[in-house]
Amino acid sequence: MWLKFAIQKSLDRFDEDKQLVFINAWNEWAEGNHLEPDLKWGHQYLQATQKALIKY
């Protein structure tokens, strides 16, 4: 939900060449901030990210 909001806010507020949304990794901080599955949630965060991005 927050990602859809961030994307829409960027689309509404900025010119096309300045529409950016940064996603920082929620796991693997020591190894370089990769977006990847984890043991607790599996692929759920990645699937939610994909779902939010499909619309755009």
PDB file of N, CA and C in Angstrom:
ATOM      1  N   MET A   1       0.817  -1.190   0.000  1.00  0.00           N
ATOM      2  CA  MET A   1       0.000   0.000   0.000  1.00  0.00           C
ATOM      3  C   MET A   1       0.864   1.259   0.000  1.00  0.00           C
ATOM      4  N   TRP A   2       1.910   1.296   0.819  1.00  0.00           N
ATOM      5  CA  TRP A   2       2.756   2.488   0.877  1.00  0.00           C
ATOM      6  C   TRP A   2       3.463   2.723  -0.444  1.00  0.00           C
ATOM      7  N   LEU A   3       3.825   1.646  -1.141  1.00  0.00           N
ATOM      8  CA  LEU A   3       4.523   1.805  -2.407  1.00  0.00           C
ATOM      9  C   LEU A   3       3.604   2.390  -3.467  1.00  0.00           C
ATOM     10  N   LYS A   4       2.366   1.921  -3.523  1.00  0.00           N
ATOM     11  CA  LYS A   4       1.400   2.493  -4.473  1.00  0.00           C
ATOM     12  C   LYS A   4       1.207   3.980  -4.192  1.00  0.00           C
ATOM     13  N   PHE A   5       1.122   4.342  -2.925  1.00  0.00           N
ATOM     14  CA  PHE A   5       0.978   5.748  -2.540  1.00  0.00           C
ATOM     15  C   PHE A   5       2.195   6.560  -2.987  1.00  0.00           C
ATOM     16  N   ALA A   6       3.399   6.026  -2.757  1.00  0.00           N
ATOM     17  CA  ALA A   6       4.619   6.737  -3.134  1.00  0.00           C
ATOM     18  C   ALA A   6       4.711   6.914  -4.643  1.00  0.00           C
ATOM     19  N   ILE A   7       4.345   5.888  -5.388  1.00  0.00           N
ATOM     20  CA  ILE A   7       4.368   5.983  -6.851  1.00  0.00           C
ATOM     21  C   ILE A   7       3.373   7.031  -7.320  1.00  0.00           C
ATOM     22  N   GLN A   8       2.164   6.965  -6.808  1.00  0.00           N
ATOM     23  CA  GLN A   8       1.136   7.915  -7.241  1.00  0.00           C
ATOM     24  C   GLN A   8       1.516   9.344  -6.875  1.00  0.00           C
ATOM     25  N   LYS A   9       2.096   9.520  -5.703  1.00  0.00           N
ATOM     26  CA  LYS A   9       2.524  10.855  -5.276  1.00  0.00           C
ATOM     27  C   LYS A   9       3.604  11.403  -6.216  1.00  0.00           C
ATOM     28  N   SER A  10       4.541  10.556  -6.616  1.00  0.00           N
ATOM     29  CA  SER A  10       5.574  10.981  -7.555  1.00  0.00           C
ATOM     30  C   SER A  10       4.968  11.344  -8.908  1.00  0.00           C
ATOM     31  N   LEU A  11       4.023  10.547  -9.375  1.00  0.00           N
ATOM     32  CA  LEU A  11       3.366  10.832 -10.653  1.00  0.00           C
ATOM     33  C   LEU A  11       2.589  12.140 -10.604  1.00  0.00           C
ATOM     34  N   ASP A  12       1.945  12.401  -9.488  1.00  0.00           N
ATOM     35  CA  ASP A  12       1.124  13.603  -9.344  1.00  0.00           C
ATOM     36  C   ASP A  12       1.940  14.885  -9.166  1.00  0.00           C
ATOM     37  N   ARG A  13       3.089  14.776  -8.513  1.00  0.00           N
ATOM     38  CA  ARG A  13       3.826  15.973  -8.113  1.00  0.00           C
ATOM     39  C   ARG A  13       4.954  16.390  -9.038  1.00  0.00           C
ATOM     40  N   PHE A  14       5.500  15.461  -9.809  1.00  0.00           N
ATOM     41  CA  PHE A  14       6.733  15.765 -10.535  1.00  0.00           C
ATOM     42  C   PHE A  14       6.581  15.568 -12.035  1.00  0.00           C
ATOM     43  N   ASP A  15       7.397  16.307 -12.778  1.00  0.00           N
ATOM     44  CA  ASP A  15       7.458  16.118 -14.221  1.00  0.00           C
ATOM     45  C   ASP A  15       7.956  14.702 -14.514  1.00  0.00           C
ATOM     46  N   GLU A  16       7.653  14.223 -15.694  1.00  0.00           N
ATOM     47  CA  GLU A  16       7.962  12.835 -16.047  1.00  0.00           C
ATOM     48  C   GLU A  16       9.437  12.469 -15.856  1.00  0.00           C
ATOM     49  N   ASP A  17      10.329  13.381 -16.165  1.00  0.00           N
ATOM     50  CA  ASP A  17      11.759  13.078 -16.043  1.00  0.00           C
ATOM     51  C   ASP A  17      12.264  13.136 -14.603  1.00  0.00           C
ATOM     52  N   LYS A  18      11.402  13.495 -13.654  1.00  0.00           N
ATOM     53  CA  LYS A  18      11.795  13.577 -12.242  1.00  0.00           C
ATOM     54  C   LYS A  18      10.968  12.649 -11.359  1.00  0.00           C
ATOM     55  N   GLN A  19      10.229  11.748 -11.944  1.00  0.00           N
ATOM     56  CA  GLN A  19       9.387  10.828 -11.180  1.00  0.00           C
ATOM     57  C   GLN A  19      10.211   9.628 -10.729  1.00  0.00           C
ATOM     58  N   LEU A  20      10.610   9.649  -9.472  1.00  0.00           N
ATOM     59  CA  LEU A  20      11.426   8.584  -8.895  1.00  0.00           C
ATOM     60  C   LEU A  20      10.834   8.118  -7.577  1.00  0.00           C
ATOM     61  N   VAL A  21      10.971   6.844  -7.336  1.00  0.00           N
ATOM     62  CA  VAL A  21      10.647   6.274  -6.028  1.00  0.00           C
ATOM     63  C   VAL A  21      11.805   5.354  -5.671  1.00  0.00           C
ATOM     64  N   PHE A  22      12.413   5.590  -4.540  1.00  0.00           N
ATOM     65  CA  PHE A  22      13.526   4.760  -4.080  1.00  0.00           C
ATOM     66  C   PHE A  22      13.002   3.730  -3.088  1.00  0.00           C
ATOM     67  N   ILE A  23      13.457   2.514  -3.248  1.00  0.00           N
ATOM     68  CA  ILE A  23      13.117   1.436  -2.324  1.00  0.00           C
ATOM     69  C   ILE A  23      14.419   0.951  -1.715  1.00  0.00           C
ATOM     70  N   ASN A  24      14.519   1.044  -0.412  1.00  0.00           N
ATOM     71  CA  ASN A  24      15.697   0.517   0.264  1.00  0.00           C
ATOM     72  C   ASN A  24      15.376  -0.897   0.735  1.00  0.00           C
ATOM     73  N   ALA A  25      16.327  -1.765   0.686  1.00  0.00           N
ATOM     74  CA  ALA A  25      16.107  -3.167   1.048  1.00  0.00           C
ATOM     75  C   ALA A  25      15.673  -3.304   2.498  1.00  0.00           C
ATOM     76  N   TRP A  26      14.836  -4.287   2.742  1.00  0.00           N
ATOM     77  CA  TRP A  26      14.354  -4.521   4.098  1.00  0.00           C
ATOM     78  C   TRP A  26      15.127  -5.638   4.783  1.00  0.00           C
ATOM     79  N   ASN A  27      16.042  -6.260   4.059  1.00  0.00           N
ATOM     80  CA  ASN A  27      16.883  -7.295   4.674  1.00  0.00           C
ATOM     81  C   ASN A  27      18.257  -7.253   4.016  1.00  0.00           C
ATOM     82  N   GLU A  28      19.170  -8.054   4.488  1.00  0.00           N
ATOM     83  CA  GLU A  28      20.514  -8.163   3.928  1.00  0.00           C
ATOM     84  C   GLU A  28      21.308  -6.858   4.007  1.00  0.00           C
ATOM     85  N   TRP A  29      21.179  -6.162   5.109  1.00  0.00           N
ATOM     86  CA  TRP A  29      21.876  -4.875   5.249  1.00  0.00           C
ATOM     87  C   TRP A  29      23.392  -5.024   5.154  1.00  0.00           C
ATOM     88  N   ALA A  30      23.927  -6.071   5.715  1.00  0.00           N
ATOM     89  CA  ALA A  30      25.377  -6.233   5.722  1.00  0.00           C
ATOM     90  C   ALA A  30      25.928  -6.612   4.356  1.00  0.00           C
ATOM     91  N   GLU A  31      25.108  -7.159   3.494  1.00  0.00           N
ATOM     92  CA  GLU A  31      25.588  -7.638   2.205  1.00  0.00           C
ATOM     93  C   GLU A  31      25.280  -6.703   1.037  1.00  0.00           C
ATOM     94  N   GLY A  32      24.820  -5.494   1.271  1.00  0.00           N
ATOM     95  CA  GLY A  32      24.649  -4.562   0.173  1.00  0.00           C
ATOM     96  C   GLY A  32      23.219  -4.183  -0.159  1.00  0.00           C
ATOM     97  N   ASN A  33      22.286  -4.388   0.746  1.00  0.00           N
ATOM     98  CA  ASN A  33      20.906  -3.926   0.560  1.00  0.00           C
ATOM     99  C   ASN A  33      20.228  -4.489  -0.684  1.00  0.00           C
ATOM    100  N   HIS A  34      20.098  -5.778  -0.754  1.00  0.00           N
ATOM    101  CA  HIS A  34      19.418  -6.415  -1.881  1.00  0.00           C
ATOM    102  C   HIS A  34      17.963  -6.677  -1.544  1.00  0.00           C
ATOM    103  N   LEU A  35      17.093  -6.520  -2.527  1.00  0.00           N
ATOM    104  CA  LEU A  35      15.697  -6.916  -2.361  1.00  0.00           C
ATOM    105  C   LEU A  35      15.620  -8.402  -2.682  1.00  0.00           C
ATOM    106  N   GLU A  36      15.399  -9.205  -1.675  1.00  0.00           N
ATOM    107  CA  GLU A  36      15.333 -10.647  -1.874  1.00  0.00           C
ATOM    108  C   GLU A  36      14.464 -11.277  -0.803  1.00  0.00           C
ATOM    109  N   PRO A  37      14.029 -12.499  -1.031  1.00  0.00           N
ATOM    110  CA  PRO A  37      13.189 -13.167  -0.042  1.00  0.00           C
ATOM    111  C   PRO A  37      13.946 -13.401   1.262  1.00  0.00           C
ATOM    112  N   ASP A  38      13.190 -13.566   2.343  1.00  0.00           N
ATOM    113  CA  ASP A  38      13.813 -13.896   3.617  1.00  0.00           C
ATOM    114  C   ASP A  38      13.110 -15.105   4.227  1.00  0.00           C
ATOM    115  N   LEU A  39      13.642 -15.582   5.329  1.00  0.00           N
ATOM    116  CA  LEU A  39      13.101 -16.792   5.946  1.00  0.00           C
ATOM    117  C   LEU A  39      11.724 -16.574   6.569  1.00  0.00           C
ATOM    118  N   LYS A  40      11.469 -15.388   7.088  1.00  0.00           N
ATOM    119  CA  LYS A  40      10.202 -15.142   7.767  1.00  0.00           C
ATOM    120  C   LYS A  40       9.050 -14.922   6.785  1.00  0.00           C
ATOM    121  N   TRP A  41       9.244 -14.087   5.784  1.00  0.00           N
ATOM    122  CA  TRP A  41       8.159 -13.690   4.885  1.00  0.00           C
ATOM    123  C   TRP A  41       8.256 -14.299   3.491  1.00  0.00           C
ATOM    124  N   GLY A  42       9.330 -15.002   3.201  1.00  0.00           N
ATOM    125  CA  GLY A  42       9.479 -15.623   1.890  1.00  0.00           C
ATOM    126  C   GLY A  42       9.503 -14.574   0.787  1.00  0.00           C
ATOM    127  N   HIS A  43       8.658 -14.745  -0.222  1.00  0.00           N
ATOM    128  CA  HIS A  43       8.604 -13.831  -1.366  1.00  0.00           C
ATOM    129  C   HIS A  43       7.502 -12.775  -1.225  1.00  0.00           C
ATOM    130  N   GLN A  44       6.855 -12.687  -0.090  1.00  0.00           N
ATOM    131  CA  GLN A  44       5.694 -11.808   0.056  1.00  0.00           C
ATOM    132  C   GLN A  44       6.016 -10.339  -0.205  1.00  0.00           C
ATOM    133  N   TYR A  45       7.140  -9.853   0.291  1.00  0.00           N
ATOM    134  CA  TYR A  45       7.501  -8.450   0.044  1.00  0.00           C
ATOM    135  C   TYR A  45       7.785  -8.213  -1.436  1.00  0.00           C
ATOM    136  N   LEU A  46       8.466  -9.159  -2.066  1.00  0.00           N
ATOM    137  CA  LEU A  46       8.752  -9.014  -3.496  1.00  0.00           C
ATOM    138  C   LEU A  46       7.472  -9.073  -4.314  1.00  0.00           C
ATOM    139  N   GLN A  47       6.557  -9.942  -3.940  1.00  0.00           N
ATOM    140  CA  GLN A  47       5.286 -10.044  -4.651  1.00  0.00           C
ATOM    141  C   GLN A  47       4.453  -8.774  -4.474  1.00  0.00           C
ATOM    142  N   ALA A  48       4.463  -8.202  -3.289  1.00  0.00           N
ATOM    143  CA  ALA A  48       3.732  -6.952  -3.053  1.00  0.00           C
ATOM    144  C   ALA A  48       4.354  -5.812  -3.859  1.00  0.00           C
ATOM    145  N   THR A  49       5.678  -5.786  -3.964  1.00  0.00           N
ATOM    146  CA  THR A  49       6.356  -4.776  -4.774  1.00  0.00           C
ATOM    147  C   THR A  49       5.977  -4.939  -6.241  1.00  0.00           C
ATOM    148  N   GLN A  50       5.997  -6.157  -6.719  1.00  0.00           N
ATOM    149  CA  GLN A  50       5.609  -6.420  -8.098  1.00  0.00           C
ATOM    150  C   GLN A  50       4.153  -5.987  -8.356  1.00  0.00           C
ATOM    151  N   LYS A  51       3.283  -6.316  -7.451  1.00  0.00           N
ATOM    152  CA  LYS A  51       1.868  -5.964  -7.595  1.00  0.00           C
ATOM    153  C   LYS A  51       1.682  -4.447  -7.695  1.00  0.00           C
ATOM    154  N   ALA A  52       2.419  -3.717  -6.873  1.00  0.00           N
ATOM    155  CA  ALA A  52       2.315  -2.247  -6.902  1.00  0.00           C
ATOM    156  C   ALA A  52       2.864  -1.676  -8.201  1.00  0.00           C
ATOM    157  N   LEU A  53       3.912  -2.293  -8.735  1.00  0.00           N
ATOM    158  CA  LEU A  53       4.557  -1.766  -9.935  1.00  0.00           C
ATOM    159  C   LEU A  53       3.853  -2.155 -11.226  1.00  0.00           C
ATOM    160  N   ILE A  54       3.113  -3.246 -11.230  1.00  0.00           N
ATOM    161  CA  ILE A  54       2.447  -3.708 -12.445  1.00  0.00           C
ATOM    162  C   ILE A  54       1.526  -2.631 -13.022  1.00  0.00           C
ATOM    163  N   LYS A  55       0.851  -1.902 -12.172  1.00  0.00           N
ATOM    164  CA  LYS A  55      -0.069  -0.859 -12.615  1.00  0.00           C
ATOM    165  C   LYS A  55       0.640   0.222 -13.416  1.00  0.00           C
ATOM    166  N   TYR A  56       1.909   0.461 -13.113  1.00  0.00           N
ATOM    167  CA  TYR A  56       2.636   1.562 -13.719  1.00  0.00           C
ATOM    168  C   TYR A  56       3.624   1.066 -14.745  1.00  0.00           C
TER     169      TYR A  56
END
